[in-house]
Protein backbone atom coordinates (compact mmCIF):
# COMPACT_ATOMS: atom_id res chain seq x y z
CA MET A 1 -33.69 -95.00 -76.97
CA ARG A 2 -34.86 -96.25 -80.36
CA PHE A 3 -36.84 -93.80 -82.38
CA LEU A 4 -39.44 -94.78 -85.06
CA VAL A 5 -38.29 -92.85 -88.10
CA LEU A 6 -41.22 -91.44 -90.02
CA ILE A 7 -40.36 -90.30 -93.58
CA ASN A 8 -42.86 -88.61 -95.79
CA LYS A 9 -42.29 -88.69 -99.59
CA SER A 10 -43.62 -85.16 -100.07
CA ILE A 11 -40.90 -82.50 -99.94
CA LYS A 12 -42.97 -79.54 -101.25
CA TYR A 13 -42.94 -77.73 -97.90
CA THR A 14 -40.31 -75.08 -97.43
CA ALA A 15 -38.97 -73.44 -94.32
CA LEU A 16 -41.64 -70.75 -94.72
CA VAL A 17 -44.24 -73.28 -93.52
CA PHE A 18 -42.37 -73.58 -90.18
CA VAL A 19 -42.09 -69.87 -89.86
CA VAL A 20 -45.88 -69.61 -90.40
CA LEU A 21 -46.43 -72.28 -87.79
CA LYS A 22 -44.49 -70.38 -85.20
CA LEU A 23 -45.86 -67.01 -86.13
CA HIS A 24 -49.57 -68.01 -86.30
CA VAL A 25 -51.91 -65.81 -84.22
CA LYS A 26 -51.61 -66.61 -80.57
CA LYS A 27 -54.52 -68.17 -78.93
CA GLU A 28 -56.36 -66.05 -76.42
CA LYS A 29 -58.06 -69.02 -74.81
CA SER A 30 -57.02 -72.34 -73.86
CA GLU A 31 -58.40 -75.69 -72.93
CA MET A 32 -57.80 -77.61 -69.71
CA ILE A 33 -57.58 -81.33 -68.91
CA TYR A 34 -58.91 -82.97 -65.73
CA ILE A 35 -57.06 -85.76 -64.17
CA ASP A 36 -58.13 -87.65 -61.09
CA LEU A 37 -54.90 -88.47 -59.35
CA LYS A 38 -56.56 -90.85 -56.94
CA SER A 39 -57.24 -93.22 -59.85
CA ASN A 40 -54.74 -95.54 -61.21
CA HIS A 41 -54.06 -94.62 -65.02
CA THR A 42 -52.84 -97.44 -67.19
CA LEU A 43 -50.77 -97.31 -70.39
CA ALA A 44 -52.33 -98.12 -73.77
CA ALA A 45 -49.57 -97.24 -76.06
CA ALA A 46 -46.10 -95.54 -76.12
CA ASN A 47 -43.67 -94.58 -78.84
CA ALA A 48 -40.69 -92.31 -79.68
CA HIS A 49 -40.94 -90.69 -83.10
CA TYR A 50 -38.28 -89.19 -85.31
CA TYR A 51 -39.74 -87.13 -88.24
CA LYS A 52 -36.66 -87.04 -90.54
CA ILE A 53 -38.59 -84.70 -93.08
CA PRO A 54 -41.85 -82.79 -92.60
CA THR A 55 -45.08 -84.67 -92.19
CA GLU A 56 -48.02 -83.88 -94.40
CA GLU A 57 -50.70 -81.37 -93.40
CA TYR A 58 -53.30 -82.95 -91.01
CA TYR A 59 -50.83 -85.93 -90.51
CA VAL A 60 -52.66 -86.33 -87.15
CA ASP A 61 -56.40 -86.11 -87.36
CA ARG A 62 -58.25 -88.03 -84.70
CA THR A 63 -60.44 -88.39 -81.62
CA LEU A 64 -59.15 -90.99 -79.10
CA GLN A 65 -60.67 -92.88 -76.34
CA TYR A 66 -57.42 -92.27 -74.43
CA HIS A 67 -55.50 -89.28 -73.12
CA ASP A 68 -52.84 -88.50 -75.75
CA LEU A 69 -49.57 -87.06 -74.04
CA ILE A 70 -46.82 -85.73 -76.33
CA TYR A 71 -43.35 -84.62 -75.26
CA LEU A 72 -41.56 -82.56 -77.94
CA ILE A 73 -37.84 -83.45 -77.63
CA GLU A 74 -36.45 -81.53 -80.59
CA GLY A 75 -37.92 -79.46 -83.46
CA SER A 76 -41.32 -77.89 -83.55
CA TRP A 77 -44.88 -78.73 -84.32
CA GLY A 78 -48.33 -77.61 -83.70
CA PHE A 79 -51.72 -79.32 -82.73
CA THR A 80 -55.30 -78.01 -82.56
CA GLU A 81 -57.80 -79.28 -80.05
CA ASN A 82 -61.27 -77.85 -79.91
CA ASP A 83 -60.32 -75.04 -82.32
CA VAL A 84 -57.49 -73.95 -79.92
CA GLU A 85 -53.98 -74.02 -81.51
CA TYR A 86 -51.01 -75.04 -79.43
CA PRO A 87 -47.52 -74.44 -80.98
CA LEU A 88 -44.96 -76.91 -79.56
CA GLU A 89 -41.27 -76.18 -78.97
CA ALA A 90 -38.50 -78.20 -77.28
CA ASN A 91 -39.44 -79.60 -73.87
CA ASP A 92 -43.15 -78.82 -74.31
CA VAL A 93 -45.68 -81.30 -73.00
CA LEU A 94 -48.99 -81.36 -74.61
CA MET A 95 -51.86 -83.24 -72.83
CA LEU A 96 -54.79 -83.91 -75.22
CA ALA A 97 -57.96 -85.13 -73.46
CA ALA A 98 -59.81 -88.27 -74.48
CA GLY A 99 -62.88 -87.61 -76.46
CA ARG A 100 -61.82 -84.34 -77.93
CA HIS A 101 -60.93 -83.98 -81.58
CA HIS A 102 -57.33 -82.96 -82.27
CA TYR A 103 -55.24 -82.60 -85.38
CA SER A 104 -52.00 -81.13 -86.78
CA ARG A 105 -52.84 -78.53 -89.25
CA LEU A 106 -49.39 -77.97 -90.53
CA PRO A 107 -46.25 -80.18 -91.01
CA CYS A 108 -43.74 -80.54 -88.25
CA ALA A 109 -40.20 -79.18 -88.69
CA PRO A 110 -37.72 -81.60 -90.25
CA GLY A 111 -35.78 -83.45 -87.55
CA THR A 112 -38.62 -83.34 -84.99
CA LYS A 113 -38.49 -85.93 -82.26
CA THR A 114 -41.32 -86.77 -79.84
CA PHE A 115 -42.45 -89.12 -77.25
CA CYS A 116 -46.11 -90.06 -77.43
CA ILE A 117 -48.02 -92.02 -74.92
CA HIS A 118 -51.72 -92.94 -74.66
CA ILE A 119 -53.06 -93.50 -71.16
CA SER A 120 -56.46 -94.60 -69.91
CA ALA A 121 -59.27 -91.94 -69.31
CA GLU A 122 -60.69 -92.83 -65.99
CA ALA A 123 -64.23 -92.26 -64.74
CA GLY A 124 -62.99 -89.35 -62.41
CA ASP A 125 -61.18 -87.40 -65.16
CA ASN A 126 -63.73 -84.65 -65.53
CA GLU A 127 -64.68 -81.13 -64.35
CA ALA A 128 -67.57 -82.54 -62.24
CA ASN A 129 -65.34 -84.53 -59.97
CA SER A 130 -64.02 -82.48 -57.10
CA ASP A 131 -61.09 -84.69 -56.63
CA SER A 132 -59.82 -84.18 -60.21
CA THR A 133 -56.94 -81.96 -60.79
CA CYS A 134 -57.22 -79.25 -63.48
CA LEU A 135 -54.08 -79.01 -65.59
CA PRO A 136 -53.14 -76.77 -68.52
CA THR A 137 -53.19 -78.45 -71.97
CA LEU A 138 -49.76 -77.15 -72.78
CA MET A 139 -46.81 -76.80 -70.49
CA ASN A 140 -42.97 -76.36 -70.87
CA MET A 141 -40.90 -78.83 -68.76
CA LYS A 142 -37.46 -77.44 -69.43
CA ASP A 143 -37.04 -76.95 -65.64
CA ALA A 144 -38.28 -80.31 -64.77
CA PRO A 145 -36.08 -82.87 -66.57
CA VAL A 146 -37.52 -85.74 -64.67
CA VAL A 147 -40.69 -85.35 -66.70
CA LYS A 148 -38.70 -86.28 -69.85
CA LYS A 149 -37.15 -89.18 -68.04
CA TYR A 150 -40.46 -90.57 -67.15
CA PHE A 151 -41.60 -90.36 -70.83
CA ASP A 152 -38.29 -92.02 -71.88
CA ASP A 153 -38.66 -94.79 -69.13
CA ILE A 154 -42.30 -95.41 -70.18
CA VAL A 155 -41.43 -95.95 -73.82
CA SER A 156 -38.40 -98.07 -73.07
CA THR A 157 -40.41 -100.24 -70.72
CA TYR A 158 -43.29 -100.62 -72.97
CA TRP A 159 -41.04 -102.16 -75.72
CA ARG A 160 -39.04 -104.32 -73.46
CA GLU A 161 -40.19 -107.63 -72.12
CA GLY A 162 -39.77 -108.19 -68.43
CA LYS A 163 -41.22 -109.32 -65.14
CA TYR A 164 -44.03 -107.08 -63.79
CA LYS A 165 -44.05 -105.04 -66.91
CA GLU A 166 -47.59 -103.96 -66.61
CA GLN A 167 -47.13 -102.97 -62.90
CA LYS A 168 -44.04 -100.97 -63.78
CA LEU A 169 -45.77 -99.08 -66.51
CA THR A 170 -48.78 -98.20 -64.36
CA THR A 171 -46.45 -96.93 -61.71
CA LEU A 172 -44.38 -94.84 -64.07
CA VAL A 173 -47.43 -93.41 -65.66
CA ASN A 174 -49.03 -92.36 -62.37
CA LEU A 175 -45.56 -90.94 -61.24
CA LEU A 176 -45.51 -88.93 -64.47
CA LEU A 177 -48.94 -87.46 -63.83
CA LEU A 178 -48.15 -86.53 -60.15
CA THR A 179 -44.84 -84.86 -61.39
CA ILE A 180 -46.70 -82.87 -64.12
CA CYS A 181 -49.18 -81.84 -61.55
CA GLU A 182 -46.51 -80.53 -59.11
CA GLU A 183 -44.67 -78.83 -61.88
CA ALA A 184 -47.93 -77.15 -63.02
CA GLN A 185 -48.43 -75.77 -59.56
CA ASN A 186 -44.78 -74.43 -59.35
CA GLN A 187 -45.30 -72.76 -62.65
CA ALA A 188 -48.57 -71.17 -61.62
CA ASP A 189 -46.94 -69.66 -58.62
CA ALA A 190 -43.97 -68.35 -60.71
CA TYR A 191 -46.39 -66.97 -63.38
CA LYS A 192 -48.20 -64.95 -60.67
CA ASP A 193 -44.88 -63.22 -59.73
CA ILE A 194 -43.89 -62.72 -63.31
CA ALA A 195 -47.26 -61.28 -64.34
CA THR A 196 -47.31 -58.91 -61.31
CA LYS A 197 -43.83 -57.52 -62.11
CA ALA A 198 -44.77 -57.02 -65.77
CA ILE A 199 -47.95 -55.11 -64.86
CA GLU A 200 -45.99 -52.92 -62.37
CA MET A 201 -43.46 -52.21 -65.15
CA ILE A 202 -46.12 -51.11 -67.60
CA THR A 203 -48.34 -49.09 -65.26
CA SER A 204 -45.27 -47.19 -63.85
CA ASN A 205 -44.10 -46.17 -67.20
CA PRO A 206 -47.35 -45.48 -69.14
CA HIS A 207 -45.59 -43.46 -71.96
CA ARG A 208 -42.90 -45.97 -72.65
CA ARG A 209 -43.22 -48.23 -75.78
CA TYR A 210 -42.61 -51.55 -74.20
CA THR A 211 -42.22 -54.71 -76.44
CA ALA A 212 -42.85 -58.13 -74.99
CA LYS A 213 -39.19 -58.97 -75.57
CA GLU A 214 -38.08 -55.98 -73.55
CA VAL A 215 -40.30 -56.93 -70.62
CA ALA A 216 -39.31 -60.54 -70.88
CA ASN A 217 -35.63 -59.73 -70.83
CA ASP A 218 -35.91 -57.47 -67.90
CA LEU A 219 -37.64 -60.32 -66.02
CA TYR A 220 -35.15 -62.92 -67.22
CA VAL A 221 -37.86 -65.09 -68.99
CA SER A 222 -38.72 -65.85 -72.51
CA THR A 223 -41.59 -64.00 -74.35
CA LYS A 224 -43.52 -67.28 -74.31
CA THR A 225 -43.29 -67.52 -70.43
CA LEU A 226 -44.32 -63.95 -70.13
CA ASP A 227 -47.42 -64.60 -72.33
CA ASN A 228 -48.24 -67.70 -70.36
CA ALA A 229 -47.96 -65.72 -67.04
CA MET A 230 -50.23 -63.08 -68.47
CA HIS A 231 -52.74 -65.62 -69.50
CA LYS A 232 -52.66 -67.26 -66.16
CA LYS A 233 -53.34 -64.00 -64.24
CA LEU A 234 -55.50 -61.95 -66.64
CA GLY A 235 -56.73 -64.40 -69.36
CA VAL A 236 -55.00 -62.39 -72.15
CA PRO A 237 -51.56 -62.29 -73.61
CA PHE A 238 -49.07 -59.45 -72.92
CA TYR A 239 -49.74 -57.51 -76.02
CA THR A 240 -53.58 -57.42 -75.38
CA PHE A 241 -53.02 -56.23 -71.79
CA LEU A 242 -50.61 -53.60 -73.03
CA LYS A 243 -52.92 -52.26 -75.64
CA ASN A 244 -55.96 -52.25 -73.35
CA GLN A 245 -53.89 -50.50 -70.65
CA LYS A 246 -52.83 -47.75 -72.94
CA LEU A 247 -56.34 -47.27 -74.36
CA ASP A 248 -57.78 -46.92 -70.84
CA MET A 249 -55.14 -44.24 -70.19
CA VAL A 250 -56.02 -42.48 -73.47
CA ALA A 251 -59.65 -42.37 -72.42
CA MET A 252 -58.71 -40.81 -69.10
CA GLN A 253 -56.41 -38.17 -70.89
CA LEU A 254 -59.27 -37.33 -73.25
CA GLU A 255 -61.54 -36.59 -70.35
CA MET A 256 -59.06 -34.72 -68.16
CA GLU A 257 -57.22 -32.76 -70.80
CA PRO A 258 -59.67 -32.25 -73.64
CA GLU A 259 -57.66 -29.48 -75.34
CA LEU A 260 -54.78 -31.92 -76.25
CA LYS A 261 -54.56 -32.95 -79.96
CA LEU A 262 -55.29 -36.52 -80.81
CA HIS A 263 -51.95 -36.87 -82.66
CA ASP A 264 -50.02 -35.83 -79.42
CA ILE A 265 -51.87 -38.26 -77.28
CA ALA A 266 -51.25 -41.06 -79.72
CA ILE A 267 -47.54 -40.49 -79.85
CA SER A 268 -47.32 -39.98 -76.11
CA PHE A 269 -48.79 -43.31 -75.44
CA GLY A 270 -46.79 -45.20 -77.97
CA PHE A 271 -49.20 -45.60 -80.86
CA TYR A 272 -47.68 -45.25 -84.39
CA ASP A 273 -49.94 -42.39 -85.26
CA GLU A 274 -53.50 -40.95 -84.57
CA PHE A 275 -55.14 -43.38 -87.07
CA HIS A 276 -53.94 -46.45 -85.40
CA MET A 277 -54.93 -45.25 -81.94
CA SER A 278 -58.36 -44.20 -83.13
CA LYS A 279 -58.98 -47.54 -84.76
CA ALA A 280 -57.95 -49.48 -81.61
CA PHE A 281 -59.94 -47.07 -79.48
CA LYS A 282 -63.08 -47.54 -81.37
CA LYS A 283 -62.68 -51.26 -81.40
CA LYS A 284 -62.49 -51.30 -77.60
CA PHE A 285 -65.04 -48.54 -76.62
CA GLY A 286 -67.42 -48.56 -79.62
CA ILE A 287 -66.91 -44.84 -80.42
CA SER A 288 -64.10 -42.75 -81.72
CA PRO A 289 -61.79 -40.83 -79.46
CA GLN A 290 -63.31 -37.54 -80.66
CA GLU A 291 -66.82 -38.76 -79.92
CA TYR A 292 -65.75 -40.07 -76.60
CA ARG A 293 -64.16 -36.62 -75.77
CA ILE A 294 -67.41 -34.74 -76.62
CA ILE A 295 -69.57 -37.02 -74.45
CA LYS A 296 -67.35 -36.78 -71.40
CA THR A 297 -66.87 -32.99 -71.67
CA SER A 298 -70.37 -32.00 -72.83
CA GLY A 299 -71.85 -32.11 -69.33
């Protein structure tokens, strides 16, 4: 496979930039892309890129008439579509819908390699079409190596002359979409099981100070997979669910045992101290723990 080497003259970005990219606030919402698998999608362009050194900020900033599919082979990068940020790691596939503005806010990591293909947006690729399939914008395909092979085959075929080239490309593109659809369903089923087990762990041990890494390790998955699973089932990442669960139990404790000190309640439910618990409690319920206790016990 030949990679197009892209070298940027600017070298002012340090490793800190890439740390910031990976540690940026996790999204609590995500877009979806609708694909009509009954329609034949055709290829508009295909490339393999090698970014030897970091790109500039906003290196990609566009709205396309095509669906833009990116496979991150090595390195890391991030894209934003409709104000939702998607941090990419190895074996991630990002599916950016035609007609939506997307851009890369920060540089990619040095040595990043990607496959990028543009495919036609068909008339049925929309939410209103009952035959269209709803797919996550970002998926990891580490466990589906055939997806990477399809990207590779598409890029190779695009740049090689041969008989029935257009027919081959159309076939490969549609096989890629079908495979991604199947893998998305497999992941959705697996995520349900992961999320269910994570919820059971937390609710069975309400006083334990769990971290996402601890729960992920116990379930033999990555923290990213755990977050994706929680998003799929509950619409929020692991940390948000954990915090809300503990705050609900704090509220119950305040009502059932009003004589307990706020400091003791905070420590027993894994908060750093009374101040941090009270701040989180007021943000969720709109009143302080003390006010909540007075209201619930005054009657």
